[in-house]
Amino acid sequence: MRKIMLILSLAPLAALANPVDVNCGQFPDHPPGHHGHGGFGDQLPPYLEKIDLSSAQKTEIKNLLESRKAEFAAKFGQDKSAIQELHKLSFSNEYSTEKAKALIEKATVSHQEKVLQKAELDNTIYKLLTSEQQQKLQAEIANFKGH
């Protein structure tokens, strides 16, 4: 019974332990996880691959990504830290449901903030596109069937 309770209490962490990388897997030719947690490096986000960007747009987007890199790394570190704390608590004599819930809440809030940062970044990039490019991107997203 104790093992079942432990398993059930840890089950919600599965989603937090390996959050979906919202950048990857948006298109069939981009499998999830190919960018890792370090960002895109010198690449543009995969959703822009089929958009004909000017060199000025590419430079501006790359600069934007680079300027936000530390911010995203900090959020990833917070997510990882909260999950590690919960894991440590789960395998200690200090475990209590209240402490576990507090750590889960901390991890959830951190993850929500990270997803919000990503949405804001995507919107900033979207606004750098011309109306024709925006329409093409929207059409690509509408045609995407998932993976």
Protein backbone atom coordinates (compact mmCIF):
# COMPACT_ATOMS: atom_id res chain seq x y z
CA MET A 1 0.00 0.00 0.00
CA ARG A 2 2.83 2.36 0.85
CA LYS A 3 4.46 1.78 -2.54
CA ILE A 4 1.20 2.50 -4.33
CA MET A 5 0.76 5.75 -2.42
CA LEU A 6 4.33 6.76 -3.25
CA ILE A 7 3.79 6.00 -6.93
CA LEU A 8 0.50 7.89 -7.00
CA SER A 9 2.03 10.88 -5.25
CA LEU A 10 4.88 11.01 -7.77
CA ALA A 11 2.74 10.46 -10.88
CA PRO A 12 1.89 14.16 -11.39
CA LEU A 13 5.60 14.88 -11.51
CA ALA A 14 5.96 12.98 -14.75
CA ALA A 15 4.65 16.02 -16.60
CA LEU A 16 6.96 18.34 -14.71
CA ALA A 17 10.02 16.12 -14.82
CA ASN A 18 10.14 16.24 -18.61
CA PRO A 19 8.11 19.23 -19.77
CA VAL A 20 7.23 19.47 -23.42
CA ASP A 21 9.73 21.52 -25.35
CA VAL A 22 7.34 23.92 -27.00
CA ASN A 23 9.87 24.84 -29.68
CA CYS A 24 10.33 21.37 -31.07
CA GLY A 25 8.05 19.01 -32.83
CA GLN A 26 5.94 21.79 -34.30
CA PHE A 27 6.50 20.45 -37.78
CA PRO A 28 6.97 16.85 -38.95
CA ASP A 29 10.55 17.37 -40.14
CA HIS A 30 11.62 18.61 -36.69
CA PRO A 31 11.57 15.83 -34.13
CA PRO A 32 11.16 16.85 -30.49
CA GLY A 33 14.28 17.43 -28.48
CA HIS A 34 16.75 18.13 -31.26
CA HIS A 35 17.65 21.56 -29.89
CA GLY A 36 18.18 20.53 -26.28
CA HIS A 37 17.84 23.03 -23.48
CA GLY A 38 20.55 25.34 -24.75
CA GLY A 39 18.21 26.96 -27.23
CA PHE A 40 18.69 27.22 -30.96
CA GLY A 41 22.36 28.10 -31.03
CA ASP A 42 22.87 30.01 -34.25
CA GLN A 43 19.67 28.63 -35.76
CA LEU A 44 16.24 30.15 -36.07
CA PRO A 45 13.20 28.49 -34.50
CA PRO A 46 11.96 25.63 -36.70
CA TYR A 47 8.59 27.26 -37.28
CA LEU A 48 10.38 29.94 -39.33
CA GLU A 49 12.16 27.48 -41.60
CA LYS A 50 9.68 27.77 -44.48
CA ILE A 51 9.34 31.55 -44.15
CA ASP A 52 11.47 33.65 -46.49
CA LEU A 53 13.11 36.05 -44.07
CA SER A 54 15.30 38.97 -45.04
CA SER A 55 18.83 38.96 -43.69
CA ALA A 56 17.86 41.90 -41.45
CA GLN A 57 14.95 39.89 -40.00
CA LYS A 58 17.20 36.87 -39.43
CA THR A 59 19.75 39.03 -37.64
CA GLU A 60 17.09 40.73 -35.52
CA ILE A 61 15.51 37.40 -34.53
CA LYS A 62 18.89 35.84 -33.70
CA ASN A 63 19.77 38.88 -31.58
CA LEU A 64 16.41 38.61 -29.82
CA LEU A 65 16.98 34.90 -29.10
CA GLU A 66 20.49 35.60 -27.83
CA SER A 67 19.28 38.40 -25.56
CA ARG A 68 16.72 36.08 -23.95
CA LYS A 69 19.03 33.07 -23.65
CA ALA A 70 20.10 33.76 -20.04
CA GLU A 71 16.49 34.37 -19.01
CA PHE A 72 15.39 31.01 -20.43
CA ALA A 73 18.37 29.22 -18.90
CA ALA A 74 17.49 30.64 -15.48
CA LYS A 75 13.90 29.39 -15.77
CA PHE A 76 15.09 25.96 -16.84
CA GLY A 77 17.39 25.93 -13.81
CA GLN A 78 14.47 26.82 -11.52
CA ASP A 79 12.36 24.01 -12.98
CA LYS A 80 15.16 21.52 -12.55
CA SER A 81 15.91 22.70 -9.01
CA ALA A 82 12.29 22.36 -7.88
CA ILE A 83 12.05 18.85 -9.29
CA GLN A 84 15.33 17.84 -7.66
CA GLU A 85 14.08 19.20 -4.32
CA LEU A 86 10.91 17.16 -4.63
CA HIS A 87 12.85 14.05 -5.55
CA LYS A 88 15.12 14.56 -2.55
CA LEU A 89 12.11 15.07 -0.27
CA SER A 90 10.37 11.97 -1.64
CA PHE A 91 13.26 9.80 -0.54
CA SER A 92 13.77 11.26 2.91
CA ASN A 93 12.32 10.93 6.38
CA GLU A 94 11.25 14.58 6.14
CA TYR A 95 8.54 13.78 3.59
CA SER A 96 5.06 15.16 4.13
CA THR A 97 2.22 15.72 1.72
CA GLU A 98 2.20 19.42 2.55
CA LYS A 99 5.91 19.81 1.76
CA ALA A 100 5.49 17.83 -1.46
CA LYS A 101 2.50 19.95 -2.53
CA ALA A 102 4.48 23.13 -1.86
CA LEU A 103 7.35 21.92 -4.05
CA ILE A 104 4.94 20.80 -6.77
CA GLU A 105 3.33 24.24 -6.70
CA LYS A 106 6.77 25.84 -6.96
CA ALA A 107 7.63 23.67 -9.98
CA THR A 108 4.26 24.36 -11.60
CA VAL A 109 4.59 28.13 -11.21
CA SER A 110 8.12 28.04 -12.60
CA HIS A 111 6.98 25.98 -15.59
CA GLN A 112 4.05 28.34 -16.25
CA GLU A 113 6.43 31.31 -16.21
CA LYS A 114 8.73 29.55 -18.67
CA VAL A 115 5.87 28.77 -21.06
CA LEU A 116 4.66 32.37 -20.80
CA GLN A 117 8.16 33.63 -21.64
CA LYS A 118 8.17 31.39 -24.71
CA ALA A 119 4.74 32.63 -25.82
CA GLU A 120 5.86 36.25 -25.43
CA LEU A 121 9.04 35.55 -27.40
CA ASP A 122 7.07 33.85 -30.18
CA ASN A 123 4.70 36.82 -30.34
CA THR A 124 7.60 39.27 -30.52
CA ILE A 125 9.08 37.25 -33.40
CA TYR A 126 5.66 37.06 -35.09
CA LYS A 127 5.36 40.85 -34.97
CA LEU A 128 8.73 41.17 -36.76
CA LEU A 129 7.27 39.38 -39.78
CA THR A 130 5.55 41.12 -42.67
CA SER A 131 1.83 40.49 -43.09
CA GLU A 132 2.56 38.07 -45.96
CA GLN A 133 5.03 36.15 -43.79
CA GLN A 134 2.53 36.08 -40.93
CA GLN A 135 -0.11 34.62 -43.24
CA LYS A 136 2.31 31.98 -44.50
CA LEU A 137 3.26 31.04 -40.93
CA GLN A 138 -0.40 30.81 -39.91
CA ALA A 139 -1.09 28.58 -42.92
CA GLU A 140 1.85 26.31 -42.00
CA ILE A 141 0.58 26.02 -38.43
CA ALA A 142 -2.98 25.34 -39.63
CA ASN A 143 -1.74 22.57 -41.94
CA PHE A 144 0.35 20.91 -39.25
CA LYS A 145 -1.25 17.63 -38.20
CA GLY A 146 0.84 16.90 -35.11
CA HIS A 147 3.31 14.15 -34.42
